[in-house]
Amino acid sequence: MKDTTKEKSKQNSCWLWWMMLGEKTGCHQLPERSFFIKGYQFPVCARCTGVLVGYLIAMPVFALKGICVTVSIMGTVIMFLDWMFQATGIKQSTNSRRFITGLLGGFGIMSVQLYLISKVINRVCHN
């Protein structure tokens, strides 16, 4: 079943809203570094998509299992190295690798933030 013009216009308006929201995150939104679904570009690039997914995964993992700060920091270092190798031209990255390193980095960043917040809360509550 084909979309009517009105339905397509509504889809385009929704997509534009998400793209503007993605721009506010600070993402460069380069099409060649982004995923697409049904011809629509994701509102953030592959690495930022991974970071956001990593944030979401880290919250329940932290609540249920806790985290290893060293492993979390390693995830952020891996993301930084992938970015640096690409930025300096040492190695060209792919969207899949950007997503995976973004996922590791996002998980690491959020895990460390949650760890630090929990330490501050424990210190405040026990003093």
PDB file of N, CA and C in Angstrom:
ATOM      1  N   MET A   1       0.846  -1.179   0.000  1.00  0.00           N
ATOM      2  CA  MET A   1       0.000   0.000   0.000  1.00  0.00           C
ATOM      3  C   MET A   1       0.893   1.245   0.000  1.00  0.00           C
ATOM      4  N   LYS A   2       0.645   2.144  -0.921  1.00  0.00           N
ATOM      5  CA  LYS A   2       1.475   3.343  -1.044  1.00  0.00           C
ATOM      6  C   LYS A   2       1.005   4.422  -0.071  1.00  0.00           C
ATOM      7  N   ASP A   3       1.988   5.191   0.398  1.00  0.00           N
ATOM      8  CA  ASP A   3       1.665   6.319   1.269  1.00  0.00           C
ATOM      9  C   ASP A   3       0.968   7.402   0.466  1.00  0.00           C
ATOM     10  N   THR A   4      -0.001   8.026   1.090  1.00  0.00           N
ATOM     11  CA  THR A   4      -0.613   9.184   0.448  1.00  0.00           C
ATOM     12  C   THR A   4       0.317  10.371   0.644  1.00  0.00           C
ATOM     13  N   THR A   5       0.061  11.432  -0.088  1.00  0.00           N
ATOM     14  CA  THR A   5       0.887  12.633   0.027  1.00  0.00           C
ATOM     15  C   THR A   5       0.828  13.188   1.445  1.00  0.00           C
ATOM     16  N   LYS A   6      -0.355  13.159   2.062  1.00  0.00           N
ATOM     17  CA  LYS A   6      -0.519  13.680   3.419  1.00  0.00           C
ATOM     18  C   LYS A   6       0.274  12.835   4.424  1.00  0.00           C
ATOM     19  N   GLU A   7       0.227  11.513   4.275  1.00  0.00           N
ATOM     20  CA  GLU A   7       0.978  10.637   5.174  1.00  0.00           C
ATOM     21  C   GLU A   7       2.483  10.849   5.011  1.00  0.00           C
ATOM     22  N   LYS A   8       2.921  11.007   3.767  1.00  0.00           N
ATOM     23  CA  LYS A   8       4.340  11.235   3.491  1.00  0.00           C
ATOM     24  C   LYS A   8       4.791  12.567   4.094  1.00  0.00           C
ATOM     25  N   SER A   9       3.945  13.586   3.987  1.00  0.00           N
ATOM     26  CA  SER A   9       4.252  14.893   4.563  1.00  0.00           C
ATOM     27  C   SER A   9       4.381  14.783   6.082  1.00  0.00           C
ATOM     28  N   LYS A  10       3.505  13.998   6.702  1.00  0.00           N
ATOM     29  CA  LYS A  10       3.557  13.804   8.153  1.00  0.00           C
ATOM     30  C   LYS A  10       4.847  13.069   8.543  1.00  0.00           C
ATOM     31  N   GLN A  11       5.231  12.053   7.755  1.00  0.00           N
ATOM     32  CA  GLN A  11       6.479  11.334   8.006  1.00  0.00           C
ATOM     33  C   GLN A  11       7.677  12.270   7.876  1.00  0.00           C
ATOM     34  N   ASN A  12       7.666  13.112   6.848  1.00  0.00           N
ATOM     35  CA  ASN A  12       8.768  14.056   6.643  1.00  0.00           C
ATOM     36  C   ASN A  12       8.860  15.056   7.785  1.00  0.00           C
ATOM     37  N   SER A  13       7.719  15.536   8.280  1.00  0.00           N
ATOM     38  CA  SER A  13       7.711  16.477   9.407  1.00  0.00           C
ATOM     39  C   SER A  13       8.284  15.819  10.655  1.00  0.00           C
ATOM     40  N   CYS A  14       7.889  14.583  10.887  1.00  0.00           N
ATOM     41  CA  CYS A  14       8.394  13.834  12.042  1.00  0.00           C
ATOM     42  C   CYS A  14       9.907  13.636  11.918  1.00  0.00           C
ATOM     43  N   TRP A  15      10.360  13.248  10.725  1.00  0.00           N
ATOM     44  CA  TRP A  15      11.786  13.038  10.490  1.00  0.00           C
ATOM     45  C   TRP A  15      12.563  14.336  10.704  1.00  0.00           C
ATOM     46  N   LEU A  16      12.032  15.454  10.189  1.00  0.00           N
ATOM     47  CA  LEU A  16      12.706  16.746  10.372  1.00  0.00           C
ATOM     48  C   LEU A  16      12.818  17.106  11.846  1.00  0.00           C
ATOM     49  N   TRP A  17      11.772  16.815  12.626  1.00  0.00           N
ATOM     50  CA  TRP A  17      11.802  17.092  14.066  1.00  0.00           C
ATOM     51  C   TRP A  17      12.930  16.292  14.725  1.00  0.00           C
ATOM     52  N   TRP A  18      13.033  14.996  14.385  1.00  0.00           N
ATOM     53  CA  TRP A  18      14.090  14.154  14.948  1.00  0.00           C
ATOM     54  C   TRP A  18      15.472  14.628  14.503  1.00  0.00           C
ATOM     55  N   MET A  19      15.613  15.060  13.256  1.00  0.00           N
ATOM     56  CA  MET A  19      16.894  15.565  12.761  1.00  0.00           C
ATOM     57  C   MET A  19      17.306  16.830  13.514  1.00  0.00           C
ATOM     58  N   MET A  20      16.360  17.711  13.785  1.00  0.00           N
ATOM     59  CA  MET A  20      16.682  18.931  14.548  1.00  0.00           C
ATOM     60  C   MET A  20      17.084  18.569  15.973  1.00  0.00           C
ATOM     61  N   LEU A  21      16.409  17.587  16.557  1.00  0.00           N
ATOM     62  CA  LEU A  21      16.774  17.130  17.896  1.00  0.00           C
ATOM     63  C   LEU A  21      18.180  16.528  17.881  1.00  0.00           C
ATOM     64  N   GLY A  22      18.471  15.721  16.866  1.00  0.00           N
ATOM     65  CA  GLY A  22      19.806  15.134  16.729  1.00  0.00           C
ATOM     66  C   GLY A  22      20.890  16.187  16.594  1.00  0.00           C
ATOM     67  N   GLU A  23      20.586  17.251  15.865  1.00  0.00           N
ATOM     68  CA  GLU A  23      21.546  18.345  15.697  1.00  0.00           C
ATOM     69  C   GLU A  23      21.873  18.991  17.043  1.00  0.00           C
ATOM     70  N   LYS A  24      20.890  19.066  17.924  1.00  0.00           N
ATOM     71  CA  LYS A  24      21.096  19.694  19.234  1.00  0.00           C
ATOM     72  C   LYS A  24      22.008  18.877  20.138  1.00  0.00           C
ATOM     73  N   THR A  25      22.229  17.609  19.806  1.00  0.00           N
ATOM     74  CA  THR A  25      23.151  16.791  20.603  1.00  0.00           C
ATOM     75  C   THR A  25      24.603  17.133  20.306  1.00  0.00           C
ATOM     76  N   GLY A  26      24.829  17.881  19.220  1.00  0.00           N
ATOM     77  CA  GLY A  26      26.190  18.218  18.820  1.00  0.00           C
ATOM     78  C   GLY A  26      26.744  17.282  17.763  1.00  0.00           C
ATOM     79  N   CYS A  27      25.924  16.361  17.293  1.00  0.00           N
ATOM     80  CA  CYS A  27      26.363  15.408  16.268  1.00  0.00           C
ATOM     81  C   CYS A  27      26.517  16.117  14.925  1.00  0.00           C
ATOM     82  N   HIS A  28      27.527  15.716  14.151  1.00  0.00           N
ATOM     83  CA  HIS A  28      27.753  16.318  12.831  1.00  0.00           C
ATOM     84  C   HIS A  28      26.714  15.864  11.810  1.00  0.00           C
ATOM     85  N   GLN A  29      26.075  14.734  12.023  1.00  0.00           N
ATOM     86  CA  GLN A  29      25.004  14.206  11.163  1.00  0.00           C
ATOM     87  C   GLN A  29      25.426  14.010   9.706  1.00  0.00           C
ATOM     88  N   LEU A  30      26.669  13.666   9.466  1.00  0.00           N
ATOM     89  CA  LEU A  30      27.108  13.436   8.089  1.00  0.00           C
ATOM     90  C   LEU A  30      26.395  12.209   7.523  1.00  0.00           C
ATOM     91  N   PRO A  31      25.761  12.342   6.369  1.00  0.00           N
ATOM     92  CA  PRO A  31      25.021  11.202   5.797  1.00  0.00           C
ATOM     93  C   PRO A  31      25.894   9.963   5.585  1.00  0.00           C
ATOM     94  N   GLU A  32      27.143  10.159   5.145  1.00  0.00           N
ATOM     95  CA  GLU A  32      28.006   9.005   4.879  1.00  0.00           C
ATOM     96  C   GLU A  32      28.461   8.303   6.156  1.00  0.00           C
ATOM     97  N   ARG A  33      28.212   8.917   7.304  1.00  0.00           N
ATOM     98  CA  ARG A  33      28.569   8.302   8.585  1.00  0.00           C
ATOM     99  C   ARG A  33      27.328   7.988   9.409  1.00  0.00           C
ATOM    100  N   SER A  34      26.194   7.887   8.742  1.00  0.00           N
ATOM    101  CA  SER A  34      24.924   7.641   9.420  1.00  0.00           C
ATOM    102  C   SER A  34      24.230   6.416   8.847  1.00  0.00           C
ATOM    103  N   PHE A  35      23.358   5.841   9.655  1.00  0.00           N
ATOM    104  CA  PHE A  35      22.507   4.748   9.199  1.00  0.00           C
ATOM    105  C   PHE A  35      21.241   5.325   8.580  1.00  0.00           C
ATOM    106  N   PHE A  36      20.599   4.545   7.731  1.00  0.00           N
ATOM    107  CA  PHE A  36      19.341   4.932   7.094  1.00  0.00           C
ATOM    108  C   PHE A  36      18.328   3.804   7.258  1.00  0.00           C
ATOM    109  N   ILE A  37      17.074   4.173   7.450  1.00  0.00           N
ATOM    110  CA  ILE A  37      15.966   3.211   7.442  1.00  0.00           C
ATOM    111  C   ILE A  37      14.915   3.740   6.483  1.00  0.00           C
ATOM    112  N   LYS A  38      14.578   2.928   5.500  1.00  0.00           N
ATOM    113  CA  LYS A  38      13.569   3.286   4.494  1.00  0.00           C
ATOM    114  C   LYS A  38      13.835   4.660   3.883  1.00  0.00           C
ATOM    115  N   GLY A  39      15.096   4.952   3.633  1.00  0.00           N
ATOM    116  CA  GLY A  39      15.469   6.204   2.995  1.00  0.00           C
ATOM    117  C   GLY A  39      15.610   7.384   3.940  1.00  0.00           C
ATOM    118  N   TYR A  40      15.325   7.181   5.216  1.00  0.00           N
ATOM    119  CA  TYR A  40      15.440   8.264   6.195  1.00  0.00           C
ATOM    120  C   TYR A  40      16.732   8.103   6.994  1.00  0.00           C
ATOM    121  N   GLN A  41      17.513   9.174   7.040  1.00  0.00           N
ATOM    122  CA  GLN A  41      18.765   9.177   7.793  1.00  0.00           C
ATOM    123  C   GLN A  41      18.470   9.210   9.283  1.00  0.00           C
ATOM    124  N   PHE A  42      19.241   8.435  10.067  1.00  0.00           N
ATOM    125  CA  PHE A  42      19.136   8.526  11.521  1.00  0.00           C
ATOM    126  C   PHE A  42      19.446   9.965  11.933  1.00  0.00           C
ATOM    127  N   PRO A  43      18.853  10.441  13.028  1.00  0.00           N
ATOM    128  CA  PRO A  43      19.090  11.822  13.466  1.00  0.00           C
ATOM    129  C   PRO A  43      20.502  12.072  13.994  1.00  0.00           C
ATOM    130  N   VAL A  44      21.229  11.011  14.311  1.00  0.00           N
ATOM    131  CA  VAL A  44      22.622  11.145  14.742  1.00  0.00           C
ATOM    132  C   VAL A  44      23.462  10.123  13.973  1.00  0.00           C
ATOM    133  N   CYS A  45      24.762  10.356  13.896  1.00  0.00           N
ATOM    134  CA  CYS A  45      25.663   9.472  13.146  1.00  0.00           C
ATOM    135  C   CYS A  45      25.768   8.099  13.816  1.00  0.00           C
ATOM    136  N   ALA A  46      26.471   7.194  13.169  1.00  0.00           N
ATOM    137  CA  ALA A  46      26.609   5.827  13.677  1.00  0.00           C
ATOM    138  C   ALA A  46      27.276   5.804  15.056  1.00  0.00           C
ATOM    139  N   ARG A  47      28.327   6.592  15.258  1.00  0.00           N
ATOM    140  CA  ARG A  47      29.011   6.606  16.555  1.00  0.00           C
ATOM    141  C   ARG A  47      28.097   7.168  17.641  1.00  0.00           C
ATOM    142  N   CYS A  48      27.411   8.268  17.359  1.00  0.00           N
ATOM    143  CA  CYS A  48      26.496   8.846  18.350  1.00  0.00           C
ATOM    144  C   CYS A  48      25.321   7.913  18.634  1.00  0.00           C
ATOM    145  N   THR A  49      24.862   7.189  17.615  1.00  0.00           N
ATOM    146  CA  THR A  49      23.814   6.188  17.832  1.00  0.00           C
ATOM    147  C   THR A  49      24.318   5.143  18.819  1.00  0.00           C
ATOM    148  N   GLY A  50      25.546   4.669  18.616  1.00  0.00           N
ATOM    149  CA  GLY A  50      26.137   3.706  19.538  1.00  0.00           C
ATOM    150  C   GLY A  50      26.270   4.258  20.943  1.00  0.00           C
ATOM    151  N   VAL A  51      26.694   5.514  21.056  1.00  0.00           N
ATOM    152  CA  VAL A  51      26.831   6.147  22.375  1.00  0.00           C
ATOM    153  C   VAL A  51      25.478   6.175  23.083  1.00  0.00           C
ATOM    154  N   LEU A  52      24.433   6.588  22.382  1.00  0.00           N
ATOM    155  CA  LEU A  52      23.105   6.662  22.999  1.00  0.00           C
ATOM    156  C   LEU A  52      22.599   5.282  23.411  1.00  0.00           C
ATOM    157  N   VAL A  53      22.813   4.279  22.569  1.00  0.00           N
ATOM    158  CA  VAL A  53      22.419   2.908  22.921  1.00  0.00           C
ATOM    159  C   VAL A  53      23.238   2.434  24.122  1.00  0.00           C
ATOM    160  N   GLY A  54      24.523   2.756  24.145  1.00  0.00           N
ATOM    161  CA  GLY A  54      25.375   2.406  25.281  1.00  0.00           C
ATOM    162  C   GLY A  54      24.882   3.021  26.577  1.00  0.00           C
ATOM    163  N   TYR A  55      24.445   4.285  26.512  1.00  0.00           N
ATOM    164  CA  TYR A  55      23.868   4.935  27.696  1.00  0.00           C
ATOM    165  C   TYR A  55      22.677   4.135  28.207  1.00  0.00           C
ATOM    166  N   LEU A  56      21.789   3.765  27.293  1.00  0.00           N
ATOM    167  CA  LEU A  56      20.571   3.052  27.680  1.00  0.00           C
ATOM    168  C   LEU A  56      20.866   1.670  28.256  1.00  0.00           C
ATOM    169  N   ILE A  57      21.844   0.980  27.706  1.00  0.00           N
ATOM    170  CA  ILE A  57      22.195  -0.352  28.202  1.00  0.00           C
ATOM    171  C   ILE A  57      22.884  -0.259  29.565  1.00  0.00           C
ATOM    172  N   ALA A  58      23.699   0.764  29.767  1.00  0.00           N
ATOM    173  CA  ALA A  58      24.471   0.891  31.007  1.00  0.00           C
ATOM    174  C   ALA A  58      23.583   1.060  32.235  1.00  0.00           C
ATOM    175  N   MET A  59      22.464   1.743  32.092  1.00  0.00           N
ATOM    176  CA  MET A  59      21.631   2.024  33.270  1.00  0.00           C
ATOM    177  C   MET A  59      21.109   0.753  33.942  1.00  0.00           C
ATOM    178  N   PRO A  60      20.423  -0.142  33.217  1.00  0.00           N
ATOM    179  CA  PRO A  60      19.963  -1.358  33.906  1.00  0.00           C
ATOM    180  C   PRO A  60      21.115  -2.285  34.310  1.00  0.00           C
ATOM    181  N   VAL A  61      22.183  -2.334  33.512  1.00  0.00           N
ATOM    182  CA  VAL A  61      23.330  -3.176  33.878  1.00  0.00           C
ATOM    183  C   VAL A  61      23.932  -2.678  35.181  1.00  0.00           C
ATOM    184  N   PHE A  62      24.093  -1.370  35.314  1.00  0.00           N
ATOM    185  CA  PHE A  62      24.647  -0.803  36.543  1.00  0.00           C
ATOM    186  C   PHE A  62      23.740  -1.120  37.728  1.00  0.00           C
ATOM    187  N   ALA A  63      22.427  -0.963  37.535  1.00  0.00           N
ATOM    188  CA  ALA A  63      21.472  -1.208  38.620  1.00  0.00           C
ATOM    189  C   ALA A  63      21.460  -2.678  39.048  1.00  0.00           C
ATOM    190  N   LEU A  64      21.609  -3.584  38.098  1.00  0.00           N
ATOM    191  CA  LEU A  64      21.508  -5.014  38.403  1.00  0.00           C
ATOM    192  C   LEU A  64      22.840  -5.664  38.770  1.00  0.00           C
ATOM    193  N   LYS A  65      23.912  -5.230  38.148  1.00  0.00           N
ATOM    194  CA  LYS A  65      25.196  -5.919  38.306  1.00  0.00           C
ATOM    195  C   LYS A  65      26.319  -5.046  38.843  1.00  0.00           C
ATOM    196  N   GLY A  66      26.184  -3.731  38.737  1.00  0.00           N
ATOM    197  CA  GLY A  66      27.311  -2.862  39.039  1.00  0.00           C
ATOM    198  C   GLY A  66      28.239  -2.820  37.832  1.00  0.00           C
ATOM    199  N   ILE A  67      29.373  -2.170  37.974  1.00  0.00           N
ATOM    200  CA  ILE A  67      30.304  -2.051  36.846  1.00  0.00           C
ATOM    201  C   ILE A  67      31.735  -2.153  37.336  1.00  0.00           C
ATOM    202  N   CYS A  68      32.603  -2.422  36.410  1.00  0.00           N
ATOM    203  CA  CYS A  68      34.045  -2.361  36.658  1.00  0.00           C
ATOM    204  C   CYS A  68      34.520  -1.057  36.013  1.00  0.00           C
ATOM    205  N   VAL A  69      34.993  -0.141  36.829  1.00  0.00           N
ATOM    206  CA  VAL A  69      35.397   1.174  36.330  1.00  0.00           C
ATOM    207  C   VAL A  69      36.504   1.044  35.286  1.00  0.00           C
ATOM    208  N   THR A  70      37.441   0.150  35.509  1.00  0.00           N
ATOM    209  CA  THR A  70      38.544  -0.025  34.558  1.00  0.00           C
ATOM    210  C   THR A  70      38.026  -0.443  33.186  1.00  0.00           C
ATOM    211  N   VAL A  71      37.108  -1.404  33.158  1.00  0.00           N
ATOM    212  CA  VAL A  71      36.532  -1.865  31.889  1.00  0.00           C
ATOM    213  C   VAL A  71      35.759  -0.728  31.222  1.00  0.00           C
ATOM    214  N   SER A  72      35.032   0.039  32.014  1.00  0.00           N
ATOM    215  CA  SER A  72      34.267   1.163  31.467  1.00  0.00           C
ATOM    216  C   SER A  72      35.187   2.208  30.845  1.00  0.00           C
ATOM    217  N   ILE A  73      36.261   2.512  31.516  1.00  0.00           N
ATOM    218  CA  ILE A  73      37.221   3.482  30.978  1.00  0.00           C
ATOM    219  C   ILE A  73      37.864   2.941  29.704  1.00  0.00           C
ATOM    220  N   MET A  74      38.138   1.643  29.668  1.00  0.00           N
ATOM    221  CA  MET A  74      38.707   1.037  28.458  1.00  0.00           C
ATOM    222  C   MET A  74      37.758   1.201  27.269  1.00  0.00           C
ATOM    223  N   GLY A  75      36.446   1.091  27.512  1.00  0.00           N
ATOM    224  CA  GLY A  75      35.469   1.291  26.438  1.00  0.00           C
ATOM    225  C   GLY A  75      35.550   2.688  25.856  1.00  0.00           C
ATOM    226  N   THR A  76      35.717   3.674  26.723  1.00  0.00           N
ATOM    227  CA  THR A  76      35.817   5.053  26.226  1.00  0.00           C
ATOM    228  C   THR A  76      37.132   5.270  25.484  1.00  0.00           C
ATOM    229  N   VAL A  77      38.201   4.623  25.943  1.00  0.00           N
ATOM    230  CA  VAL A  77      39.501   4.742  25.264  1.00  0.00           C
ATOM    231  C   VAL A  77      39.420   4.125  23.869  1.00  0.00           C
ATOM    232  N   ILE A  78      38.758   2.974  23.755  1.00  0.00           N
ATOM    233  CA  ILE A  78      38.597   2.326  22.450  1.00  0.00           C
ATOM    234  C   ILE A  78      37.843   3.245  21.492  1.00  0.00           C
ATOM    235  N   MET A  79      36.775   3.881  21.984  1.00  0.00           N
ATOM    236  CA  MET A  79      36.020   4.808  21.136  1.00  0.00           C
ATOM    237  C   MET A  79      36.906   5.977  20.701  1.00  0.00           C
ATOM    238  N   PHE A  80      37.661   6.533  21.640  1.00  0.00           N
ATOM    239  CA  PHE A  80      38.543   7.653  21.316  1.00  0.00           C
ATOM    240  C   PHE A  80      39.594   7.247  20.281  1.00  0.00           C
ATOM    241  N   LEU A  81      40.183   6.064  20.450  1.00  0.00           N
ATOM    242  CA  LEU A  81      41.210   5.615  19.503  1.00  0.00           C
ATOM    243  C   LEU A  81      40.637   5.441  18.103  1.00  0.00           C
ATOM    244  N   ASP A  82      39.439   4.874  17.997  1.00  0.00           N
ATOM    245  CA  ASP A  82      38.811   4.732  16.682  1.00  0.00           C
ATOM    246  C   ASP A  82      38.616   6.105  16.047  1.00  0.00           C
ATOM    247  N   TRP A  83      38.128   7.056  16.835  1.00  0.00           N
ATOM    248  CA  TRP A  83      37.939   8.419  16.327  1.00  0.00           C
ATOM    249  C   TRP A  83      39.282   9.021  15.904  1.00  0.00           C
ATOM    250  N   MET A  84      40.294   8.877  16.761  1.00  0.00           N
ATOM    251  CA  MET A  84      41.598   9.478  16.479  1.00  0.00           C
ATOM    252  C   MET A  84      42.239   8.873  15.227  1.00  0.00           C
ATOM    253  N   PHE A  85      42.182   7.543  15.098  1.00  0.00           N
ATOM    254  CA  PHE A  85      42.756   6.898  13.912  1.00  0.00           C
ATOM    255  C   PHE A  85      42.071   7.384  12.646  1.00  0.00           C
ATOM    256  N   GLN A  86      40.774   7.574  12.722  1.00  0.00           N
ATOM    257  CA  GLN A  86      40.035   8.064  11.557  1.00  0.00           C
ATOM    258  C   GLN A  86      40.369   9.530  11.289  1.00  0.00           C
ATOM    259  N   ALA A  87      40.384  10.350  12.336  1.00  0.00           N
ATOM    260  CA  ALA A  87      40.632  11.788  12.176  1.00  0.00           C
ATOM    261  C   ALA A  87      42.030  12.073  11.631  1.00  0.00           C
ATOM    262  N   THR A  88      42.998  11.248  12.003  1.00  0.00           N
ATOM    263  CA  THR A  88      44.371  11.464  11.547  1.00  0.00           C
ATOM    264  C   THR A  88      44.671  10.746  10.235  1.00  0.00           C
ATOM    265  N   GLY A  89      43.723   9.969   9.748  1.00  0.00           N
ATOM    266  CA  GLY A  89      43.905   9.259   8.487  1.00  0.00           C
ATOM    267  C   GLY A  89      44.691   7.966   8.605  1.00  0.00           C
ATOM    268  N   ILE A  90      44.969   7.526   9.825  1.00  0.00           N
ATOM    269  CA  ILE A  90      45.705   6.273  10.022  1.00  0.00           C
ATOM    270  C   ILE A  90      44.877   5.084   9.535  1.00  0.00           C
ATOM    271  N   LYS A  91      43.601   5.079   9.868  1.00  0.00           N
ATOM    272  CA  LYS A  91      42.719   3.982   9.462  1.00  0.00           C
ATOM    273  C   LYS A  91      41.321   4.532   9.265  1.00  0.00           C
ATOM    274  N   GLN A  92      40.728   4.204   8.132  1.00  0.00           N
ATOM    275  CA  GLN A  92      39.361   4.630   7.855  1.00  0.00           C
ATOM    276  C   GLN A  92      38.404   3.735   8.637  1.00  0.00           C
ATOM    277  N   SER A  93      37.471   4.332   9.328  1.00  0.00           N
ATOM    278  CA  SER A  93      36.494   3.576  10.098  1.00  0.00           C
ATOM    279  C   SER A  93      35.291   3.253   9.220  1.00  0.00           C
ATOM    280  N   THR A  94      34.456   2.346   9.693  1.00  0.00           N
ATOM    281  CA  THR A  94      33.205   2.009   9.011  1.00  0.00           C
ATOM    282  C   THR A  94      32.057   2.345   9.949  1.00  0.00           C
ATOM    283  N   ASN A  95      30.861   2.440   9.416  1.00  0.00           N
ATOM    284  CA  ASN A  95      29.716   2.736  10.273  1.00  0.00           C
ATOM    285  C   ASN A  95      29.500   1.650  11.321  1.00  0.00           C
ATOM    286  N   SER A  96      29.737   0.400  10.957  1.00  0.00           N
ATOM    287  CA  SER A  96      29.594  -0.683  11.943  1.00  0.00           C
ATOM    288  C   SER A  96      30.602  -0.513  13.073  1.00  0.00           C
ATOM    289  N   ARG A  97      31.846  -0.227  12.728  1.00  0.00           N
ATOM    290  CA  ARG A  97      32.865  -0.036  13.764  1.00  0.00           C
ATOM    291  C   ARG A  97      32.565   1.221  14.578  1.00  0.00           C
ATOM    292  N   ARG A  98      32.115   2.279  13.926  1.00  0.00           N
ATOM    293  CA  ARG A  98      31.751   3.498  14.664  1.00  0.00           C
ATOM    294  C   ARG A  98      30.647   3.192  15.676  1.00  0.00           C
ATOM    295  N   PHE A  99      29.650   2.419  15.243  1.00  0.00           N
ATOM    296  CA  PHE A  99      28.546   2.074  16.148  1.00  0.00           C
ATOM    297  C   PHE A  99      29.060   1.258  17.335  1.00  0.00           C
ATOM    298  N   ILE A 100      29.863   0.243  17.065  1.00  0.00           N
ATOM    299  CA  ILE A 100      30.363  -0.629  18.139  1.00  0.00           C
ATOM    300  C   ILE A 100      31.254   0.140  19.106  1.00  0.00           C
ATOM    301  N   THR A 101      32.173   0.954  18.584  1.00  0.00           N
ATOM    302  CA  THR A 101      33.039   1.719  19.489  1.00  0.00           C
ATOM    303  C   THR A 101      32.232   2.788  20.225  1.00  0.00           C
ATOM    304  N   GLY A 102      31.216   3.355  19.568  1.00  0.00           N
ATOM    305  CA  GLY A 102      30.324   4.292  20.245  1.00  0.00           C
ATOM    306  C   GLY A 102      29.551   3.610  21.364  1.00  0.00           C
ATOM    307  N   LEU A 103      29.097   2.386  21.113  1.00  0.00           N
ATOM    308  CA  LEU A 103      28.391   1.599  22.129  1.00  0.00           C
ATOM    309  C   LEU A 103      29.289   1.367  23.339  1.00  0.00           C
ATOM    310  N   LEU A 104      30.530   0.954  23.090  1.00  0.00           N
ATOM    311  CA  LEU A 104      31.482   0.743  24.187  1.00  0.00           C
ATOM    312  C   LEU A 104      31.750   2.044  24.942  1.00  0.00           C
ATOM    313  N   GLY A 105      31.956   3.122  24.192  1.00  0.00           N
ATOM    314  CA  GLY A 105      32.216   4.415  24.822  1.00  0.00           C
ATOM    315  C   GLY A 105      31.023   4.933  25.599  1.00  0.00           C
ATOM    316  N   GLY A 106      29.837   4.843  25.014  1.00  0.00           N
ATOM    317  CA  GLY A 106      28.629   5.297  25.703  1.00  0.00           C
ATOM    318  C   GLY A 106      28.367   4.504  26.967  1.00  0.00           C
ATOM    319  N   PHE A 107      28.548   3.178  26.877  1.00  0.00           N
ATOM    320  CA  PHE A 107      28.388   2.328  28.055  1.00  0.00           C
ATOM    321  C   PHE A 107      29.387   2.735  29.131  1.00  0.00           C
ATOM    322  N   GLY A 108      30.633   2.944  28.716  1.00  0.00           N
ATOM    323  CA  GLY A 108      31.672   3.326  29.668  1.00  0.00           C
ATOM    324  C   GLY A 108      31.420   4.676  30.312  1.00  0.00           C
ATOM    325  N   ILE A 109      31.060   5.656  29.503  1.00  0.00           N
ATOM    326  CA  ILE A 109      30.799   7.007  30.026  1.00  0.00           C
ATOM    327  C   ILE A 109      29.648   6.987  31.025  1.00  0.00           C
ATOM    328  N   MET A 110      28.529   6.362  30.641  1.00  0.00           N
ATOM    329  CA  MET A 110      27.369   6.331  31.533  1.00  0.00           C
ATOM    330  C   MET A 110      27.657   5.521  32.790  1.00  0.00           C
ATOM    331  N   SER A 111      28.379   4.415  32.650  1.00  0.00           N
ATOM    332  CA  SER A 111      28.705   3.588  33.817  1.00  0.00           C
ATOM    333  C   SER A 111      29.539   4.362  34.825  1.00  0.00           C
ATOM    334  N   VAL A 112      30.542   5.070  34.343  1.00  0.00           N
ATOM    335  CA  VAL A 112      31.385   5.859  35.245  1.00  0.00           C
ATOM    336  C   VAL A 112      30.569   6.978  35.886  1.00  0.00           C
ATOM    337  N   GLN A 113      29.701   7.623  35.105  1.00  0.00           N
ATOM    338  CA  GLN A 113      28.850   8.675  35.675  1.00  0.00           C
ATOM    339  C   GLN A 113      27.954   8.105  36.775  1.00  0.00           C
ATOM    340  N   LEU A 114      27.327   6.961  36.512  1.00  0.00           N
ATOM    341  CA  LEU A 114      26.457   6.337  37.515  1.00  0.00           C
ATOM    342  C   LEU A 114      27.252   5.921  38.744  1.00  0.00           C
ATOM    343  N   TYR A 115      28.444   5.407  38.534  1.00  0.00           N
ATOM    344  CA  TYR A 115      29.314   5.019  39.641  1.00  0.00           C
ATOM    345  C   TYR A 115      29.641   6.233  40.513  1.00  0.00           C
ATOM    346  N   LEU A 116      30.036   7.331  39.875  1.00  0.00           N
ATOM    347  CA  LEU A 116      30.382   8.543  40.628  1.00  0.00           C
ATOM    348  C   LEU A 116      29.168   9.120  41.354  1.00  0.00           C
ATOM    349  N   ILE A 117      28.024   9.136  40.685  1.00  0.00           N
ATOM    350  CA  ILE A 117      26.792   9.630  41.322  1.00  0.00           C
ATOM    351  C   ILE A 117      26.450   8.780  42.540  1.00  0.00           C
ATOM    352  N   SER A 118      26.563   7.456  42.406  1.00  0.00           N
ATOM    353  CA  SER A 118      26.242   6.577  43.542  1.00  0.00           C
ATOM    354  C   SER A 118      27.203   6.811  44.701  1.00  0.00           C
ATOM    355  N   LYS A 119      28.475   7.058  44.402  1.00  0.00           N
ATOM    356  CA  LYS A 119      29.453   7.344  45.459  1.00  0.00           C
ATOM    357  C   LYS A 119      29.120   8.650  46.180  1.00  0.00           C
ATOM    358  N   VAL A 120      28.746   9.676  45.425  1.00  0.00           N
ATOM    359  CA  VAL A 120      28.380  10.962  46.031  1.00  0.00           C
ATOM    360  C   VAL A 120      27.135  10.792  46.904  1.00  0.00           C
ATOM    361  N   ILE A 121      26.132  10.102  46.389  1.00  0.00           N
ATOM    362  CA  ILE A 121      24.900   9.887  47.160  1.00  0.00           C
ATOM    363  C   ILE A 121      25.200   9.109  48.438  1.00  0.00           C
ATOM    364  N   ASN A 122      26.001   8.052  48.335  1.00  0.00           N
ATOM    365  CA  ASN A 122      26.358   7.277  49.531  1.00  0.00           C
ATOM    366  C   ASN A 122      27.103   8.130  50.543  1.00  0.00           C
ATOM    367  N   ARG A 123      27.998   8.967  50.063  1.00  0.00           N
ATOM    368  CA  ARG A 123      28.769   9.817  50.971  1.00  0.00           C
ATOM    369  C   ARG A 123      27.864  10.839  51.665  1.00  0.00           C
ATOM    370  N   VAL A 124      26.960  11.453  50.901  1.00  0.00           N
ATOM    371  CA  VAL A 124      26.047  12.453  51.462  1.00  0.00           C
ATOM    372  C   VAL A 124      25.097  11.803  52.468  1.00  0.00           C
ATOM    373  N   CYS A 125      24.586  10.633  52.130  1.00  0.00           N
ATOM    374  CA  CYS A 125      23.609   9.961  52.994  1.00  0.00           C
ATOM    375  C   CYS A 125      24.233   9.373  54.250  1.00  0.00           C
ATOM    376  N   HIS A 126      25.513   9.078  54.226  1.00  0.00           N
ATOM    377  CA  HIS A 126      26.163   8.453  55.376  1.00  0.00           C
ATOM    378  C   HIS A 126      26.990   9.432  56.194  1.00  0.00           C
ATOM    379  N   ASN A 127      26.858  10.712  55.934  1.00  0.00           N
ATOM    380  CA  ASN A 127      27.566  11.739  56.727  1.00  0.00           C
ATOM    381  C   ASN A 127      26.599  12.562  57.508  1.00  0.00           C
TER     382      ASN A 127
END
